Amino acid sequence: QVQLVESGGGSVQAGGSLRLSCAGYGYAIDWNCLGWFRQAPGKEREGVVVLDSDGRTSSTDSVKGRFTISKDNPKNTLYLQMNNLKPEDTAVYYCAAGAMGVGCPFPLELNVDWVRYWGQGTQVTVSS
């Protein structure tokens, strides 16, 4: 059974930083498509950043230069480092993983079509 377990959310003031973690259980992150999505109240879930097995990334314009996706294969954990946070970053953040052995679609996509597994979500709140 695949589980993606997230941690690291919280409340910060604008300009602050947070690092989200997503540990995979029953799922090897080495060779698969991974990403982070977020959903603000009253809005649709949106793609934040995608990472393929070759290290290529695609991120939404609003987070470029501020958010960084990375992974630690031995720890089987995906990370999202978020710097210079803004109130508009407030949302529930979800880690996402594609079907095992399939890889990311190319070009990398920030939609949910490739996602097979979701984390439980973690709240990020940024105050002004």
C-alpha atoms as a PDB file:
ATOM      1  CA  GLN A   1       0.000   0.000   0.000  1.00  0.00           C
ATOM      2  CA  VAL A   2       1.407   3.362  -1.035  1.00  0.00           C
ATOM      3  CA  GLN A   3       1.451   6.194   1.461  1.00  0.00           C
ATOM      4  CA  LEU A   4       2.846   9.694   1.135  1.00  0.00           C
ATOM      5  CA  VAL A   5       3.182  11.288   4.555  1.00  0.00           C
ATOM      6  CA  GLU A   6       3.697  15.028   4.721  1.00  0.00           C
ATOM      7  CA  SER A   7       5.079  17.210   7.478  1.00  0.00           C
ATOM      8  CA  GLY A   8       6.445  20.694   7.956  1.00  0.00           C
ATOM      9  CA  GLY A   9       3.485  22.989   7.469  1.00  0.00           C
ATOM     10  CA  GLY A  10       2.704  25.822   9.837  1.00  0.00           C
ATOM     11  CA  SER A  11       2.155  29.536  10.247  1.00  0.00           C
ATOM     12  CA  VAL A  12       4.740  32.157   9.372  1.00  0.00           C
ATOM     13  CA  GLN A  13       4.866  35.851   8.696  1.00  0.00           C
ATOM     14  CA  ALA A  14       5.402  37.193   5.221  1.00  0.00           C
ATOM     15  CA  GLY A  15       9.025  36.908   4.210  1.00  0.00           C
ATOM     16  CA  GLY A  16       9.548  33.792   6.292  1.00  0.00           C
ATOM     17  CA  SER A  17      10.486  30.268   5.240  1.00  0.00           C
ATOM     18  CA  LEU A  18       9.156  26.758   5.653  1.00  0.00           C
ATOM     19  CA  ARG A  19      10.302  23.373   4.434  1.00  0.00           C
ATOM     20  CA  LEU A  20       7.756  20.706   3.664  1.00  0.00           C
ATOM     21  CA  SER A  21       8.660  17.024   3.670  1.00  0.00           C
ATOM     22  CA  CYS A  22       6.929  14.095   2.055  1.00  0.00           C
ATOM     23  CA  ALA A  23       8.061  10.593   2.999  1.00  0.00           C
ATOM     24  CA  GLY A  24       7.161   7.729   0.709  1.00  0.00           C
ATOM     25  CA  TYR A  25       6.067   4.331   2.030  1.00  0.00           C
ATOM     26  CA  GLY A  26       5.601   1.488  -0.389  1.00  0.00           C
ATOM     27  CA  TYR A  27       6.766   3.843  -3.109  1.00  0.00           C
ATOM     28  CA  ALA A  28      10.294   4.429  -4.433  1.00  0.00           C
ATOM     29  CA  ILE A  29      10.812   8.055  -5.371  1.00  0.00           C
ATOM     30  CA  ASP A  30      14.012   7.452  -7.359  1.00  0.00           C
ATOM     31  CA  TRP A  31      12.571   6.904 -10.798  1.00  0.00           C
ATOM     32  CA  ASN A  32       9.167   8.490 -10.683  1.00  0.00           C
ATOM     33  CA  CYS A  33       7.376  11.756 -11.323  1.00  0.00           C
ATOM     34  CA  LEU A  34       6.957  13.867  -8.189  1.00  0.00           C
ATOM     35  CA  GLY A  35       5.477  17.220  -7.376  1.00  0.00           C
ATOM     36  CA  TRP A  36       3.781  19.618  -5.028  1.00  0.00           C
ATOM     37  CA  PHE A  37       0.325  21.070  -5.438  1.00  0.00           C
ATOM     38  CA  ARG A  38      -1.671  23.481  -3.322  1.00  0.00           C
ATOM     39  CA  GLN A  39      -5.273  24.402  -2.766  1.00  0.00           C
ATOM     40  CA  ALA A  40      -6.457  27.648  -1.261  1.00  0.00           C
ATOM     41  CA  PRO A  41      -9.985  28.028   0.150  1.00  0.00           C
ATOM     42  CA  GLY A  42     -12.526  28.350  -2.619  1.00  0.00           C
ATOM     43  CA  LYS A  43      -9.974  27.654  -5.339  1.00  0.00           C
ATOM     44  CA  GLU A  44      -9.023  24.690  -7.448  1.00  0.00           C
ATOM     45  CA  ARG A  45      -5.946  22.637  -6.692  1.00  0.00           C
ATOM     46  CA  GLU A  46      -3.010  24.060  -8.618  1.00  0.00           C
ATOM     47  CA  GLY A  47       0.385  22.680  -9.519  1.00  0.00           C
ATOM     48  CA  VAL A  48       3.296  24.356  -7.769  1.00  0.00           C
ATOM     49  CA  VAL A  49       6.326  22.433  -8.993  1.00  0.00           C
ATOM     50  CA  VAL A  50       7.084  19.129 -10.701  1.00  0.00           C
ATOM     51  CA  LEU A  51      10.311  17.116 -10.614  1.00  0.00           C
ATOM     52  CA  ASP A  52      11.213  14.327 -12.984  1.00  0.00           C
ATOM     53  CA  SER A  53      13.698  11.512 -12.433  1.00  0.00           C
ATOM     54  CA  ASP A  54      16.398  13.364 -14.398  1.00  0.00           C
ATOM     55  CA  GLY A  55      16.190  16.361 -12.090  1.00  0.00           C
ATOM     56  CA  ARG A  56      14.275  18.611 -14.452  1.00  0.00           C
ATOM     57  CA  THR A  57      11.688  20.840 -12.870  1.00  0.00           C
ATOM     58  CA  SER A  58       8.789  22.989 -13.870  1.00  0.00           C
ATOM     59  CA  SER A  59       7.206  25.490 -11.521  1.00  0.00           C
ATOM     60  CA  THR A  60       4.375  27.927 -11.626  1.00  0.00           C
ATOM     61  CA  ASP A  61       5.441  31.523 -12.253  1.00  0.00           C
ATOM     62  CA  SER A  62       4.322  32.818  -8.869  1.00  0.00           C
ATOM     63  CA  VAL A  63       6.858  30.696  -6.976  1.00  0.00           C
ATOM     64  CA  LYS A  64       9.874  30.894  -9.279  1.00  0.00           C
ATOM     65  CA  GLY A  65      12.938  32.074  -7.433  1.00  0.00           C
ATOM     66  CA  ARG A  66      11.298  31.372  -4.060  1.00  0.00           C
ATOM     67  CA  PHE A  67      10.376  27.667  -3.923  1.00  0.00           C
ATOM     68  CA  THR A  68      12.747  24.761  -4.534  1.00  0.00           C
ATOM     69  CA  ILE A  69      11.848  21.114  -4.909  1.00  0.00           C
ATOM     70  CA  SER A  70      14.363  18.422  -4.022  1.00  0.00           C
ATOM     71  CA  LYS A  71      14.524  14.810  -2.971  1.00  0.00           C
ATOM     72  CA  ASP A  72      16.693  12.563  -0.854  1.00  0.00           C
ATOM     73  CA  ASN A  73      16.658   9.122  -2.416  1.00  0.00           C
ATOM     74  CA  PRO A  74      18.199   7.211   0.527  1.00  0.00           C
ATOM     75  CA  LYS A  75      15.582   8.744   2.811  1.00  0.00           C
ATOM     76  CA  ASN A  76      12.904   8.271   0.159  1.00  0.00           C
ATOM     77  CA  THR A  77      11.697  11.784   0.912  1.00  0.00           C
ATOM     78  CA  LEU A  78      10.604  14.721  -1.216  1.00  0.00           C
ATOM     79  CA  TYR A  79      11.035  18.294  -0.019  1.00  0.00           C
ATOM     80  CA  LEU A  80       9.708  21.727  -0.830  1.00  0.00           C
ATOM     81  CA  GLN A  81      11.783  24.617   0.459  1.00  0.00           C
ATOM     82  CA  MET A  82       9.692  27.769   0.506  1.00  0.00           C
ATOM     83  CA  ASN A  83      11.406  31.107   1.003  1.00  0.00           C
ATOM     84  CA  ASN A  84      10.139  34.676   1.022  1.00  0.00           C
ATOM     85  CA  LEU A  85       6.627  33.446   1.655  1.00  0.00           C
ATOM     86  CA  LYS A  86       3.709  35.697   0.782  1.00  0.00           C
ATOM     87  CA  PRO A  87       0.121  35.755   2.092  1.00  0.00           C
ATOM     88  CA  GLU A  88      -1.060  34.492  -1.291  1.00  0.00           C
ATOM     89  CA  ASP A  89       0.941  31.303  -0.684  1.00  0.00           C
ATOM     90  CA  THR A  90      -1.539  30.367   2.049  1.00  0.00           C
ATOM     91  CA  ALA A  91      -3.052  27.003   1.144  1.00  0.00           C
ATOM     92  CA  VAL A  92      -3.093  23.308   1.912  1.00  0.00           C
ATOM     93  CA  TYR A  93      -0.054  21.804   0.244  1.00  0.00           C
ATOM     94  CA  TYR A  94      -0.099  18.271  -1.164  1.00  0.00           C
ATOM     95  CA  CYS A  95       2.776  16.155  -2.347  1.00  0.00           C
ATOM     96  CA  ALA A  96       2.042  14.106  -5.426  1.00  0.00           C
ATOM     97  CA  ALA A  97       3.542  11.070  -7.087  1.00  0.00           C
ATOM     98  CA  GLY A  98       2.969   9.487 -10.451  1.00  0.00           C
ATOM     99  CA  ALA A  99       2.398   5.857 -11.280  1.00  0.00           C
ATOM    100  CA  MET A 100       5.477   3.784 -10.487  1.00  0.00           C
ATOM    101  CA  GLY A 101       7.751   3.146 -13.420  1.00  0.00           C
ATOM    102  CA  VAL A 102       5.915   5.545 -15.723  1.00  0.00           C
ATOM    103  CA  GLY A 103       7.829   8.805 -15.329  1.00  0.00           C
ATOM    104  CA  CYS A 104       6.676  12.335 -16.011  1.00  0.00           C
ATOM    105  CA  PRO A 105       4.944  13.422 -19.186  1.00  0.00           C
ATOM    106  CA  PHE A 106       7.140  15.649 -21.335  1.00  0.00           C
ATOM    107  CA  PRO A 107       6.980  18.593 -21.368  1.00  0.00           C
ATOM    108  CA  LEU A 108       6.493  18.609 -17.617  1.00  0.00           C
ATOM    109  CA  GLU A 109       2.953  19.461 -16.662  1.00  0.00           C
ATOM    110  CA  LEU A 110       1.551  21.180 -13.599  1.00  0.00           C
ATOM    111  CA  ASN A 111      -1.876  19.619 -13.912  1.00  0.00           C
ATOM    112  CA  VAL A 112      -3.207  16.645 -11.973  1.00  0.00           C
ATOM    113  CA  ASP A 113      -3.460  14.309 -14.959  1.00  0.00           C
ATOM    114  CA  TRP A 114      -0.201  12.463 -14.197  1.00  0.00           C
ATOM    115  CA  VAL A 115      -0.799  12.159 -10.437  1.00  0.00           C
ATOM    116  CA  ARG A 116      -1.537   8.708  -9.083  1.00  0.00           C
ATOM    117  CA  TYR A 117      -0.900   9.213  -5.366  1.00  0.00           C
ATOM    118  CA  TRP A 118      -1.497  12.120  -3.006  1.00  0.00           C
ATOM    119  CA  GLY A 119      -0.206  13.036   0.418  1.00  0.00           C
ATOM    120  CA  GLN A 120      -2.685  13.929   3.139  1.00  0.00           C
ATOM    121  CA  GLY A 121      -2.019  17.658   2.836  1.00  0.00           C
ATOM    122  CA  THR A 122      -0.417  20.116   5.213  1.00  0.00           C
ATOM    123  CA  GLN A 123      -1.592  23.636   5.975  1.00  0.00           C
ATOM    124  CA  VAL A 124       0.645  26.602   5.248  1.00  0.00           C
ATOM    125  CA  THR A 125      -0.551  29.974   6.525  1.00  0.00           C
ATOM    126  CA  VAL A 126       1.308  33.189   5.779  1.00  0.00           C
ATOM    127  CA  SER A 127       0.300  36.349   7.586  1.00  0.00           C
ATOM    128  CA  SER A 128       1.053  39.862   6.438  1.00  0.00           C
END
